């Protein structure tokens, strides 16, 4: 599978345009098959990204610790960056 960063934006836009044209030609039954397949691909991509994150040593523990931090210990970003 090709890395997203190596595909130029013009190619992606052209692929999306072509796909939209093809979608108009499909029967409702074929559209359902395509929707199911697209959902499968999106899930597989999401799962791969999840596995990549879980492979980072200590990341899950760090997220759990961050989630457990009381909100009163946070500083509002507007007080840190008034120019934003």
N, C-alpha and C. Protein backbone atom coordinates (compact mmCIF):
# COMPACT_ATOMS: atom_id res chain seq x y z
N UNK A 1 0.85 -1.18 0.00
CA UNK A 1 0.00 0.00 0.00
C UNK A 1 0.89 1.23 0.00
N UNK A 2 0.52 2.22 -0.79
CA UNK A 2 1.31 3.42 -0.93
C UNK A 2 1.09 4.37 0.23
N UNK A 3 2.17 4.98 0.70
CA UNK A 3 2.09 5.95 1.79
C UNK A 3 1.35 7.19 1.32
N UNK A 4 0.41 7.69 2.15
CA UNK A 4 -0.39 8.86 1.79
C UNK A 4 0.48 10.06 1.46
N UNK A 5 1.58 10.23 2.17
CA UNK A 5 2.42 11.40 1.97
C UNK A 5 3.11 11.37 0.62
N UNK A 6 3.22 10.20 -0.03
CA UNK A 6 3.89 10.11 -1.31
C UNK A 6 2.92 10.32 -2.48
N UNK A 7 1.63 10.42 -2.21
CA UNK A 7 0.64 10.64 -3.26
C UNK A 7 0.38 12.14 -3.34
N UNK A 8 0.54 12.71 -4.54
CA UNK A 8 0.35 14.16 -4.63
C UNK A 8 -1.12 14.52 -4.60
N UNK A 9 -1.41 15.73 -4.13
CA UNK A 9 -2.78 16.19 -3.91
C UNK A 9 -3.59 16.18 -5.20
N UNK A 10 -2.98 16.52 -6.32
CA UNK A 10 -3.67 16.49 -7.60
C UNK A 10 -4.14 15.09 -7.94
N UNK A 11 -3.32 14.10 -7.65
CA UNK A 11 -3.69 12.71 -7.91
C UNK A 11 -4.86 12.30 -7.02
N UNK A 12 -4.84 12.67 -5.77
CA UNK A 12 -5.93 12.34 -4.85
C UNK A 12 -7.22 12.99 -5.31
N UNK A 13 -7.16 14.25 -5.68
CA UNK A 13 -8.34 14.96 -6.16
C UNK A 13 -8.89 14.30 -7.41
N UNK A 14 -8.02 13.93 -8.31
CA UNK A 14 -8.45 13.27 -9.55
C UNK A 14 -9.07 11.90 -9.24
N UNK A 15 -8.48 11.16 -8.33
CA UNK A 15 -9.05 9.86 -7.94
C UNK A 15 -10.43 10.03 -7.33
N UNK A 16 -10.59 11.02 -6.48
CA UNK A 16 -11.90 11.28 -5.86
C UNK A 16 -12.94 11.67 -6.90
N UNK A 17 -12.55 12.50 -7.86
CA UNK A 17 -13.46 12.91 -8.92
C UNK A 17 -13.88 11.69 -9.75
N UNK A 18 -12.91 10.87 -10.11
CA UNK A 18 -13.19 9.67 -10.90
C UNK A 18 -14.10 8.71 -10.13
N UNK A 19 -13.83 8.54 -8.86
CA UNK A 19 -14.65 7.66 -8.03
C UNK A 19 -16.09 8.17 -7.95
N UNK A 20 -16.26 9.48 -7.80
CA UNK A 20 -17.61 10.06 -7.76
C UNK A 20 -18.37 9.81 -9.06
N UNK A 21 -17.67 9.89 -10.18
CA UNK A 21 -18.30 9.60 -11.47
C UNK A 21 -18.74 8.14 -11.54
N UNK A 22 -17.90 7.25 -11.07
CA UNK A 22 -18.22 5.83 -11.10
C UNK A 22 -19.38 5.50 -10.16
N UNK A 23 -19.44 6.17 -9.03
CA UNK A 23 -20.51 5.92 -8.07
C UNK A 23 -21.89 6.15 -8.68
N UNK A 24 -21.98 7.14 -9.54
CA UNK A 24 -23.27 7.47 -10.17
C UNK A 24 -23.77 6.36 -11.08
N UNK A 25 -22.86 5.48 -11.50
CA UNK A 25 -23.22 4.42 -12.43
C UNK A 25 -23.60 3.12 -11.73
N UNK A 26 -23.43 3.03 -10.43
CA UNK A 26 -23.66 1.78 -9.72
C UNK A 26 -25.11 1.63 -9.26
N UNK A 27 -25.54 0.38 -9.25
CA UNK A 27 -26.87 0.07 -8.72
C UNK A 27 -26.84 0.20 -7.20
N UNK A 28 -28.01 0.33 -6.56
CA UNK A 28 -28.04 0.42 -5.09
C UNK A 28 -27.36 -0.78 -4.42
N UNK A 29 -27.52 -1.96 -5.00
CA UNK A 29 -26.90 -3.15 -4.41
C UNK A 29 -25.37 -3.06 -4.47
N UNK A 30 -24.86 -2.61 -5.61
CA UNK A 30 -23.40 -2.47 -5.76
C UNK A 30 -22.87 -1.34 -4.87
N UNK A 31 -23.67 -0.28 -4.72
CA UNK A 31 -23.27 0.80 -3.82
C UNK A 31 -23.13 0.29 -2.38
N UNK A 32 -24.03 -0.60 -1.98
CA UNK A 32 -23.96 -1.17 -0.63
C UNK A 32 -22.70 -2.00 -0.47
N UNK A 33 -22.37 -2.79 -1.49
CA UNK A 33 -21.15 -3.59 -1.45
C UNK A 33 -19.94 -2.68 -1.33
N UNK A 34 -19.92 -1.62 -2.12
CA UNK A 34 -18.81 -0.67 -2.09
C UNK A 34 -18.71 0.03 -0.74
N UNK A 35 -19.87 0.41 -0.17
CA UNK A 35 -19.88 1.06 1.14
C UNK A 35 -19.33 0.11 2.21
N UNK A 36 -19.71 -1.16 2.13
CA UNK A 36 -19.20 -2.14 3.09
C UNK A 36 -17.69 -2.31 2.94
N UNK A 37 -17.21 -2.36 1.70
CA UNK A 37 -15.78 -2.52 1.46
C UNK A 37 -15.01 -1.28 1.94
N UNK A 38 -15.56 -0.09 1.67
CA UNK A 38 -14.91 1.14 2.13
C UNK A 38 -14.83 1.16 3.65
N UNK A 39 -15.90 0.71 4.32
CA UNK A 39 -15.89 0.64 5.79
C UNK A 39 -14.82 -0.34 6.27
N UNK A 40 -14.70 -1.46 5.58
CA UNK A 40 -13.66 -2.44 5.92
C UNK A 40 -12.27 -1.82 5.78
N UNK A 41 -12.02 -1.13 4.66
CA UNK A 41 -10.71 -0.50 4.45
C UNK A 41 -10.42 0.57 5.50
N UNK A 42 -11.41 1.39 5.83
CA UNK A 42 -11.23 2.43 6.84
C UNK A 42 -10.92 1.80 8.19
N UNK A 43 -11.63 0.72 8.52
CA UNK A 43 -11.39 0.04 9.79
C UNK A 43 -9.99 -0.57 9.82
N UNK A 44 -9.57 -1.18 8.72
CA UNK A 44 -8.24 -1.78 8.66
C UNK A 44 -7.16 -0.71 8.81
N UNK A 45 -7.37 0.44 8.19
CA UNK A 45 -6.40 1.53 8.31
C UNK A 45 -6.35 2.06 9.74
N UNK A 46 -7.52 2.20 10.34
CA UNK A 46 -7.60 2.67 11.72
C UNK A 46 -6.93 1.67 12.66
N UNK A 47 -7.16 0.39 12.44
CA UNK A 47 -6.57 -0.65 13.27
C UNK A 47 -5.04 -0.64 13.15
N UNK A 48 -4.55 -0.44 11.92
CA UNK A 48 -3.10 -0.38 11.72
C UNK A 48 -2.51 0.80 12.47
N UNK A 49 -3.19 1.95 12.43
CA UNK A 49 -2.71 3.14 13.14
C UNK A 49 -2.73 2.90 14.64
N UNK A 50 -3.78 2.23 15.13
CA UNK A 50 -3.88 1.92 16.56
C UNK A 50 -2.73 1.02 16.99
N UNK A 51 -2.45 0.00 16.20
CA UNK A 51 -1.36 -0.91 16.53
C UNK A 51 -0.02 -0.19 16.52
N UNK A 52 0.14 0.75 15.60
CA UNK A 52 1.37 1.53 15.54
C UNK A 52 1.55 2.37 16.81
N UNK A 53 0.46 2.97 17.27
CA UNK A 53 0.52 3.77 18.50
C UNK A 53 0.78 2.89 19.72
N UNK A 54 0.12 1.72 19.76
CA UNK A 54 0.31 0.83 20.90
C UNK A 54 1.72 0.27 20.97
N UNK A 55 2.42 0.28 19.86
CA UNK A 55 3.80 -0.23 19.83
C UNK A 55 4.80 0.76 20.44
N UNK A 56 4.38 2.00 20.66
CA UNK A 56 5.26 3.00 21.27
C UNK A 56 5.36 2.69 22.76
N UNK A 57 6.56 2.40 23.24
CA UNK A 57 6.72 2.02 24.65
C UNK A 57 6.25 3.12 25.60
N UNK A 58 5.39 2.75 26.54
CA UNK A 58 4.95 3.66 27.60
C UNK A 58 3.88 4.66 27.20
N UNK A 59 3.46 4.67 25.94
CA UNK A 59 2.48 5.67 25.51
C UNK A 59 1.15 5.52 26.22
N UNK A 60 0.65 4.31 26.32
CA UNK A 60 -0.65 4.09 26.96
C UNK A 60 -0.62 4.52 28.43
N UNK A 61 0.44 4.21 29.13
CA UNK A 61 0.56 4.61 30.53
C UNK A 61 0.62 6.14 30.66
N UNK A 62 1.33 6.78 29.74
CA UNK A 62 1.43 8.24 29.78
C UNK A 62 0.06 8.88 29.53
N UNK A 63 -0.71 8.32 28.61
CA UNK A 63 -2.05 8.83 28.34
C UNK A 63 -2.94 8.64 29.55
N UNK A 64 -2.84 7.49 30.19
CA UNK A 64 -3.65 7.24 31.40
C UNK A 64 -3.29 8.22 32.50
N UNK A 65 -1.99 8.48 32.68
CA UNK A 65 -1.56 9.44 33.70
C UNK A 65 -2.08 10.84 33.38
N UNK A 66 -2.01 11.22 32.12
CA UNK A 66 -2.49 12.54 31.69
C UNK A 66 -3.99 12.67 31.91
N UNK A 67 -4.72 11.60 31.64
CA UNK A 67 -6.17 11.62 31.83
C UNK A 67 -6.54 11.73 33.30
N UNK A 68 -5.68 11.23 34.17
CA UNK A 68 -5.96 11.24 35.59
C UNK A 68 -5.59 12.58 36.25
N UNK A 69 -4.92 13.47 35.50
CA UNK A 69 -4.53 14.76 36.05
C UNK A 69 -5.77 15.62 36.28
N UNK A 70 -5.95 16.13 37.51
CA UNK A 70 -7.11 16.99 37.78
C UNK A 70 -7.09 18.23 36.88
N UNK A 71 -8.24 18.59 36.38
CA UNK A 71 -8.35 19.74 35.46
C UNK A 71 -7.89 21.04 36.12
N UNK A 72 -7.93 21.10 37.44
CA UNK A 72 -7.50 22.32 38.13
C UNK A 72 -6.00 22.55 37.99
N UNK A 73 -5.24 21.53 37.60
CA UNK A 73 -3.80 21.69 37.43
C UNK A 73 -3.44 22.19 36.04
N UNK A 74 -4.42 22.30 35.15
CA UNK A 74 -4.16 22.80 33.80
C UNK A 74 -4.27 24.31 33.79
N UNK A 75 -3.53 24.95 32.88
CA UNK A 75 -3.61 26.39 32.68
C UNK A 75 -4.31 26.63 31.36
N UNK A 76 -5.32 27.48 31.32
CA UNK A 76 -5.99 27.77 30.06
C UNK A 76 -4.99 28.31 29.02
N UNK A 77 -5.08 27.83 27.81
CA UNK A 77 -4.11 28.22 26.79
C UNK A 77 -4.17 29.72 26.48
N UNK A 78 -5.32 30.33 26.67
CA UNK A 78 -5.44 31.76 26.38
C UNK A 78 -4.59 32.60 27.34
N UNK A 79 -4.39 32.12 28.56
CA UNK A 79 -3.54 32.87 29.47
C UNK A 79 -2.07 32.68 29.14
N UNK A 80 -1.75 31.58 28.45
CA UNK A 80 -0.36 31.36 28.04
C UNK A 80 -0.04 32.05 26.73
N UNK A 81 -1.03 32.08 25.82
CA UNK A 81 -0.83 32.65 24.48
C UNK A 81 -1.96 33.62 24.17
N UNK A 82 -1.80 34.85 24.53
CA UNK A 82 -2.86 35.82 24.27
C UNK A 82 -2.84 36.30 22.82
N UNK A 83 -1.77 35.99 22.08
CA UNK A 83 -1.66 36.44 20.69
C UNK A 83 -2.31 35.49 19.70
N UNK A 84 -2.92 34.43 20.18
CA UNK A 84 -3.53 33.44 19.29
C UNK A 84 -5.01 33.72 19.14
